[in-house]
């Protein structure tokens, strides 16, 4: 049977501690290298949050693209590029517990 490439860790924490732990998890396992995400979360009657963090076992290599200069042709300014894609990009750092009351 093939081994799952993802590691899942389940946590139960108070709201503030859950936010802090998730932030630290994303710092330790960056989303772009480990495909880190909060796979599942729910409120518990005890006013805690139960959530499952998911990430790859091994990091993937991120190839960084070199920006072209205007003299190289097919130049798109950084400003127009960022404006074009800013609405489609998720906030940096991955998942946010900001929507929890």
C-alpha atoms as a PDB file:
ATOM      1  CA  UNK A   1       0.000   0.000   0.000  1.00  0.00           C
ATOM      2  CA  UNK A   2       1.482   3.403  -0.939  1.00  0.00           C
ATOM      3  CA  UNK A   3       2.517   5.696   1.883  1.00  0.00           C
ATOM      4  CA  UNK A   4       0.570   8.946   2.215  1.00  0.00           C
ATOM      5  CA  UNK A   5       2.892  11.859   1.337  1.00  0.00           C
ATOM      6  CA  UNK A   6       1.111  14.034   3.898  1.00  0.00           C
ATOM      7  CA  UNK A   7       1.488  14.256   7.663  1.00  0.00           C
ATOM      8  CA  UNK A   8      -1.594  15.197   9.652  1.00  0.00           C
ATOM      9  CA  UNK A   9      -1.465  16.469  13.218  1.00  0.00           C
ATOM     10  CA  UNK A  10      -4.533  17.043  15.362  1.00  0.00           C
ATOM     11  CA  UNK A  11      -4.597  19.761  18.014  1.00  0.00           C
ATOM     12  CA  UNK A  12      -7.075  21.005  20.608  1.00  0.00           C
ATOM     13  CA  UNK A  13      -6.350  24.493  21.884  1.00  0.00           C
ATOM     14  CA  UNK A  14      -8.015  27.586  23.299  1.00  0.00           C
ATOM     15  CA  UNK A  15      -8.684  30.229  20.628  1.00  0.00           C
ATOM     16  CA  UNK A  16      -5.604  32.395  21.227  1.00  0.00           C
ATOM     17  CA  UNK A  17      -3.297  29.403  21.622  1.00  0.00           C
ATOM     18  CA  UNK A  18      -4.734  27.828  18.437  1.00  0.00           C
ATOM     19  CA  UNK A  19      -3.941  30.963  16.427  1.00  0.00           C
ATOM     20  CA  UNK A  20      -0.419  31.086  17.829  1.00  0.00           C
ATOM     21  CA  UNK A  21       0.218  27.392  17.156  1.00  0.00           C
ATOM     22  CA  UNK A  22      -1.084  27.619  13.571  1.00  0.00           C
ATOM     23  CA  UNK A  23       1.093  30.675  12.908  1.00  0.00           C
ATOM     24  CA  UNK A  24       4.183  28.879  14.261  1.00  0.00           C
ATOM     25  CA  UNK A  25       3.329  25.780  12.214  1.00  0.00           C
ATOM     26  CA  UNK A  26       3.186  27.827   9.012  1.00  0.00           C
ATOM     27  CA  UNK A  27       6.498  29.467   9.907  1.00  0.00           C
ATOM     28  CA  UNK A  28       8.141  26.089  10.537  1.00  0.00           C
ATOM     29  CA  UNK A  29       6.565  24.431   7.477  1.00  0.00           C
ATOM     30  CA  UNK A  30       6.040  27.162   4.835  1.00  0.00           C
ATOM     31  CA  UNK A  31       3.026  26.682   2.600  1.00  0.00           C
ATOM     32  CA  UNK A  32       5.011  27.043  -0.630  1.00  0.00           C
ATOM     33  CA  UNK A  33       7.422  24.216   0.298  1.00  0.00           C
ATOM     34  CA  UNK A  34       5.213  21.852   2.346  1.00  0.00           C
ATOM     35  CA  UNK A  35       1.715  22.637   0.991  1.00  0.00           C
ATOM     36  CA  UNK A  36       0.743  23.300   4.598  1.00  0.00           C
ATOM     37  CA  UNK A  37      -2.927  23.883   5.373  1.00  0.00           C
ATOM     38  CA  UNK A  38      -5.553  23.610   8.069  1.00  0.00           C
ATOM     39  CA  UNK A  39      -7.380  20.574   6.788  1.00  0.00           C
ATOM     40  CA  UNK A  40     -10.231  20.646   9.290  1.00  0.00           C
ATOM     41  CA  UNK A  41     -11.377  22.667  12.295  1.00  0.00           C
ATOM     42  CA  UNK A  42     -14.379  22.861  14.623  1.00  0.00           C
ATOM     43  CA  UNK A  43     -15.471  24.475  17.876  1.00  0.00           C
ATOM     44  CA  UNK A  44     -15.818  22.264  20.920  1.00  0.00           C
ATOM     45  CA  UNK A  45     -18.294  22.743  23.764  1.00  0.00           C
ATOM     46  CA  UNK A  46     -15.350  23.511  26.044  1.00  0.00           C
ATOM     47  CA  UNK A  47     -14.753  26.748  24.047  1.00  0.00           C
ATOM     48  CA  UNK A  48     -11.661  25.162  22.514  1.00  0.00           C
ATOM     49  CA  UNK A  49     -10.921  24.647  18.839  1.00  0.00           C
ATOM     50  CA  UNK A  50     -10.031  21.262  17.428  1.00  0.00           C
ATOM     51  CA  UNK A  51      -8.063  21.468  14.200  1.00  0.00           C
ATOM     52  CA  UNK A  52      -5.951  19.280  11.947  1.00  0.00           C
ATOM     53  CA  UNK A  53      -2.814  20.608  10.273  1.00  0.00           C
ATOM     54  CA  UNK A  54      -1.729  18.915   7.046  1.00  0.00           C
ATOM     55  CA  UNK A  55       1.686  19.161   5.359  1.00  0.00           C
ATOM     56  CA  UNK A  56       3.984  17.188   3.087  1.00  0.00           C
ATOM     57  CA  UNK A  57       6.477  14.840   4.761  1.00  0.00           C
ATOM     58  CA  UNK A  58       9.314  16.232   2.638  1.00  0.00           C
ATOM     59  CA  UNK A  59       9.609  19.774   1.258  1.00  0.00           C
ATOM     60  CA  UNK A  60       9.317  20.421  -2.448  1.00  0.00           C
ATOM     61  CA  UNK A  61      11.872  22.535  -4.253  1.00  0.00           C
ATOM     62  CA  UNK A  62      10.614  25.977  -5.133  1.00  0.00           C
ATOM     63  CA  UNK A  63      12.092  27.312  -8.338  1.00  0.00           C
ATOM     64  CA  UNK A  64      12.427  31.050  -8.269  1.00  0.00           C
ATOM     65  CA  UNK A  65      11.976  32.783 -11.594  1.00  0.00           C
ATOM     66  CA  UNK A  66      14.329  35.539 -12.565  1.00  0.00           C
ATOM     67  CA  UNK A  67      12.594  38.778 -13.455  1.00  0.00           C
ATOM     68  CA  UNK A  68      13.158  40.088 -16.949  1.00  0.00           C
ATOM     69  CA  UNK A  69      14.395  43.572 -17.524  1.00  0.00           C
ATOM     70  CA  UNK A  70      12.768  45.904 -20.085  1.00  0.00           C
ATOM     71  CA  UNK A  71      15.693  45.336 -22.472  1.00  0.00           C
ATOM     72  CA  UNK A  72      15.031  41.558 -22.533  1.00  0.00           C
ATOM     73  CA  UNK A  73      11.536  41.979 -23.967  1.00  0.00           C
ATOM     74  CA  UNK A  74       8.166  40.651 -22.801  1.00  0.00           C
ATOM     75  CA  UNK A  75       8.545  42.904 -19.788  1.00  0.00           C
ATOM     76  CA  UNK A  76       5.638  43.305 -17.393  1.00  0.00           C
ATOM     77  CA  UNK A  77       6.192  45.822 -14.658  1.00  0.00           C
ATOM     78  CA  UNK A  78       6.007  44.551 -11.090  1.00  0.00           C
ATOM     79  CA  UNK A  79       3.245  47.028 -10.358  1.00  0.00           C
ATOM     80  CA  UNK A  80       0.906  45.904 -13.113  1.00  0.00           C
ATOM     81  CA  UNK A  81       1.672  42.260 -12.363  1.00  0.00           C
ATOM     82  CA  UNK A  82       0.911  42.616  -8.654  1.00  0.00           C
ATOM     83  CA  UNK A  83      -2.262  44.555  -9.357  1.00  0.00           C
ATOM     84  CA  UNK A  84      -3.370  41.911 -11.809  1.00  0.00           C
ATOM     85  CA  UNK A  85      -2.953  39.000  -9.390  1.00  0.00           C
ATOM     86  CA  UNK A  86      -3.382  40.606  -5.960  1.00  0.00           C
ATOM     87  CA  UNK A  87      -7.058  39.643  -5.656  1.00  0.00           C
ATOM     88  CA  UNK A  88      -6.306  36.006  -6.506  1.00  0.00           C
ATOM     89  CA  UNK A  89      -3.472  35.421  -4.031  1.00  0.00           C
ATOM     90  CA  UNK A  90      -4.204  34.103  -0.540  1.00  0.00           C
ATOM     91  CA  UNK A  91      -2.837  36.175   2.348  1.00  0.00           C
ATOM     92  CA  UNK A  92       0.781  35.379   3.115  1.00  0.00           C
ATOM     93  CA  UNK A  93       1.324  32.915   5.916  1.00  0.00           C
ATOM     94  CA  UNK A  94      -1.514  30.651   4.795  1.00  0.00           C
ATOM     95  CA  UNK A  95      -4.574  29.978   6.922  1.00  0.00           C
ATOM     96  CA  UNK A  96      -5.835  32.572   9.363  1.00  0.00           C
ATOM     97  CA  UNK A  97      -7.977  32.069  12.437  1.00  0.00           C
ATOM     98  CA  UNK A  98      -9.145  35.675  12.050  1.00  0.00           C
ATOM     99  CA  UNK A  99     -12.711  34.569  11.254  1.00  0.00           C
ATOM    100  CA  UNK A 100     -13.062  32.906  14.645  1.00  0.00           C
ATOM    101  CA  UNK A 101     -14.951  35.109  17.109  1.00  0.00           C
END
